[in-house]
Amino acid sequence: MLWATLAMLGLWLGGASALGLLAEGWESWPAGAMVGFGLAGALGLAGLWSAGRALKAGSQAFLVLVVGGMLVRLVVAGVAVALVAGLTRLDAVGFVGGLMVGVVLFQMIEVGGLASSRRATRGV
């Protein structure tokens, strides 16, 4: 699972930084995409961390950690989207696009990291 964490951190920092370099101002789409991608990276790292803990816990705690983690991430994402849409001048299309691309990308890394971690613990 270490490789998944490092991959997420690298993509998170590299992708957000690259988009930030493209930005000509906070109203441009690259700045919005940078913030959306950054939010997706933070949510992906939180999901990887909570799912990693859930795999080490028992079956009852696994269900609580996975479902509770998803609920917390959905609430955080919803609040963040509402704050960005209501309080900032970021480009909304860029923000949502960066968020969507980031969520899909980080979800793939999270699932791959958890699958390899599960195989390693089972000896398969």
Protein backbone atom coordinates (compact mmCIF):
# COMPACT_ATOMS: atom_id res chain seq x y z
CA MET A 1 0.00 0.00 0.00
CA LEU A 2 3.05 2.24 0.27
CA TRP A 3 3.28 2.53 -3.51
CA ALA A 4 -0.34 3.68 -3.70
CA THR A 5 0.24 6.34 -1.06
CA LEU A 6 3.37 7.59 -2.81
CA ALA A 7 1.62 7.57 -6.19
CA MET A 8 -1.26 9.57 -4.77
CA LEU A 9 1.05 12.08 -3.14
CA GLY A 10 3.09 12.47 -6.31
CA LEU A 11 0.08 12.90 -8.57
CA TRP A 12 -1.61 15.18 -6.08
CA LEU A 13 1.32 17.54 -5.71
CA GLY A 14 2.53 17.29 -9.30
CA GLY A 15 -0.88 17.67 -10.90
CA ALA A 16 -1.95 20.55 -8.71
CA SER A 17 1.38 22.30 -9.22
CA ALA A 18 1.29 21.88 -13.00
CA LEU A 19 -2.22 23.29 -13.17
CA GLY A 20 -1.18 26.15 -10.91
CA LEU A 21 1.64 27.04 -13.31
CA LEU A 22 -0.87 27.26 -16.17
CA ALA A 23 -3.13 29.61 -14.24
CA GLU A 24 -3.13 33.23 -15.36
CA GLY A 25 -5.34 34.28 -12.47
CA TRP A 26 -7.77 32.79 -9.99
CA GLU A 27 -10.63 33.23 -12.45
CA SER A 28 -9.03 30.97 -15.08
CA TRP A 29 -9.95 27.32 -15.57
CA PRO A 30 -6.50 25.91 -14.64
CA ALA A 31 -6.74 27.50 -11.20
CA GLY A 32 -10.19 26.00 -10.69
CA ALA A 33 -8.96 22.63 -11.94
CA MET A 34 -5.97 22.85 -9.57
CA VAL A 35 -8.23 23.37 -6.57
CA GLY A 36 -10.62 20.59 -7.69
CA PHE A 37 -7.74 18.19 -8.29
CA GLY A 38 -6.27 19.12 -4.90
CA LEU A 39 -9.58 18.41 -3.17
CA ALA A 40 -9.84 15.05 -4.98
CA GLY A 41 -6.29 14.18 -3.88
CA ALA A 42 -7.05 14.98 -0.26
CA LEU A 43 -10.22 12.88 -0.39
CA GLY A 44 -8.32 10.04 -2.10
CA LEU A 45 -5.59 10.02 0.55
CA ALA A 46 -8.22 10.04 3.30
CA GLY A 47 -10.01 7.13 1.63
CA LEU A 48 -6.81 5.13 1.24
CA TRP A 49 -5.93 5.74 4.88
CA SER A 50 -9.38 4.79 6.22
CA ALA A 51 -9.67 1.72 3.98
CA GLY A 52 -6.18 0.59 5.00
CA ARG A 53 -7.21 0.81 8.64
CA ALA A 54 -10.45 -1.00 7.85
CA LEU A 55 -8.57 -3.95 6.31
CA LYS A 56 -6.63 -4.39 9.55
CA ALA A 57 -9.78 -4.25 11.71
CA GLY A 58 -12.39 -6.93 12.24
CA SER A 59 -15.43 -7.39 10.03
CA GLN A 60 -17.72 -5.23 12.20
CA ALA A 61 -15.22 -2.38 12.36
CA PHE A 62 -14.52 -2.81 8.63
CA LEU A 63 -18.11 -2.01 7.75
CA VAL A 64 -18.22 1.00 10.08
CA LEU A 65 -14.92 2.40 8.78
CA VAL A 66 -15.72 1.91 5.10
CA VAL A 67 -19.29 3.21 5.17
CA GLY A 68 -18.50 5.94 7.68
CA GLY A 69 -15.46 6.99 5.67
CA MET A 70 -17.51 7.25 2.50
CA LEU A 71 -20.14 9.32 4.27
CA VAL A 72 -17.57 11.68 5.76
CA ARG A 73 -15.85 12.10 2.39
CA LEU A 74 -19.16 12.85 0.67
CA VAL A 75 -20.04 15.47 3.27
CA VAL A 76 -16.58 17.08 3.06
CA ALA A 77 -16.75 17.12 -0.74
CA GLY A 78 -20.24 18.64 -0.69
CA VAL A 79 -19.28 21.34 1.78
CA ALA A 80 -16.10 22.13 -0.16
CA VAL A 81 -17.99 22.40 -3.45
CA ALA A 82 -20.59 24.67 -1.85
CA LEU A 83 -17.88 26.88 -0.33
CA VAL A 84 -15.92 27.12 -3.57
CA ALA A 85 -19.04 27.84 -5.63
CA GLY A 86 -20.41 30.39 -3.18
CA LEU A 87 -17.40 32.19 -1.79
CA THR A 88 -14.70 32.19 -4.47
CA ARG A 89 -14.27 33.48 -8.00
CA LEU A 90 -12.77 30.23 -9.25
CA ASP A 91 -13.92 28.93 -12.60
CA ALA A 92 -16.71 26.47 -11.76
CA VAL A 93 -16.24 24.32 -14.87
CA GLY A 94 -12.50 23.99 -14.23
CA PHE A 95 -13.13 23.15 -10.57
CA VAL A 96 -15.68 20.45 -11.34
CA GLY A 97 -13.54 19.06 -14.18
CA GLY A 98 -10.44 18.86 -11.98
CA LEU A 99 -12.49 17.28 -9.21
CA MET A 100 -14.01 14.66 -11.51
CA VAL A 101 -10.71 13.70 -13.15
CA GLY A 102 -8.99 13.60 -9.76
CA VAL A 103 -11.69 11.48 -8.11
CA VAL A 104 -11.57 8.88 -10.89
CA LEU A 105 -7.76 8.81 -10.95
CA PHE A 106 -7.33 8.63 -7.18
CA GLN A 107 -10.11 6.04 -6.86
CA MET A 108 -8.27 3.78 -9.32
CA ILE A 109 -5.05 4.15 -7.33
CA GLU A 110 -6.90 3.52 -4.06
CA VAL A 111 -8.55 0.33 -5.32
CA GLY A 112 -5.28 -0.92 -6.83
CA GLY A 113 -3.39 -0.22 -3.62
CA LEU A 114 -5.99 -1.95 -1.49
CA ALA A 115 -6.11 -4.97 -3.82
CA SER A 116 -2.35 -5.40 -3.71
CA SER A 117 -2.33 -4.90 0.05
CA ARG A 118 -5.05 -7.51 0.45
CA ARG A 119 -3.17 -9.99 -1.76
CA ALA A 120 0.00 -9.44 0.25
CA THR A 121 -1.74 -10.11 3.57
CA ARG A 122 -3.51 -13.21 2.27
CA GLY A 123 -0.42 -14.59 0.58
CA VAL A 124 -2.13 -14.95 -2.80
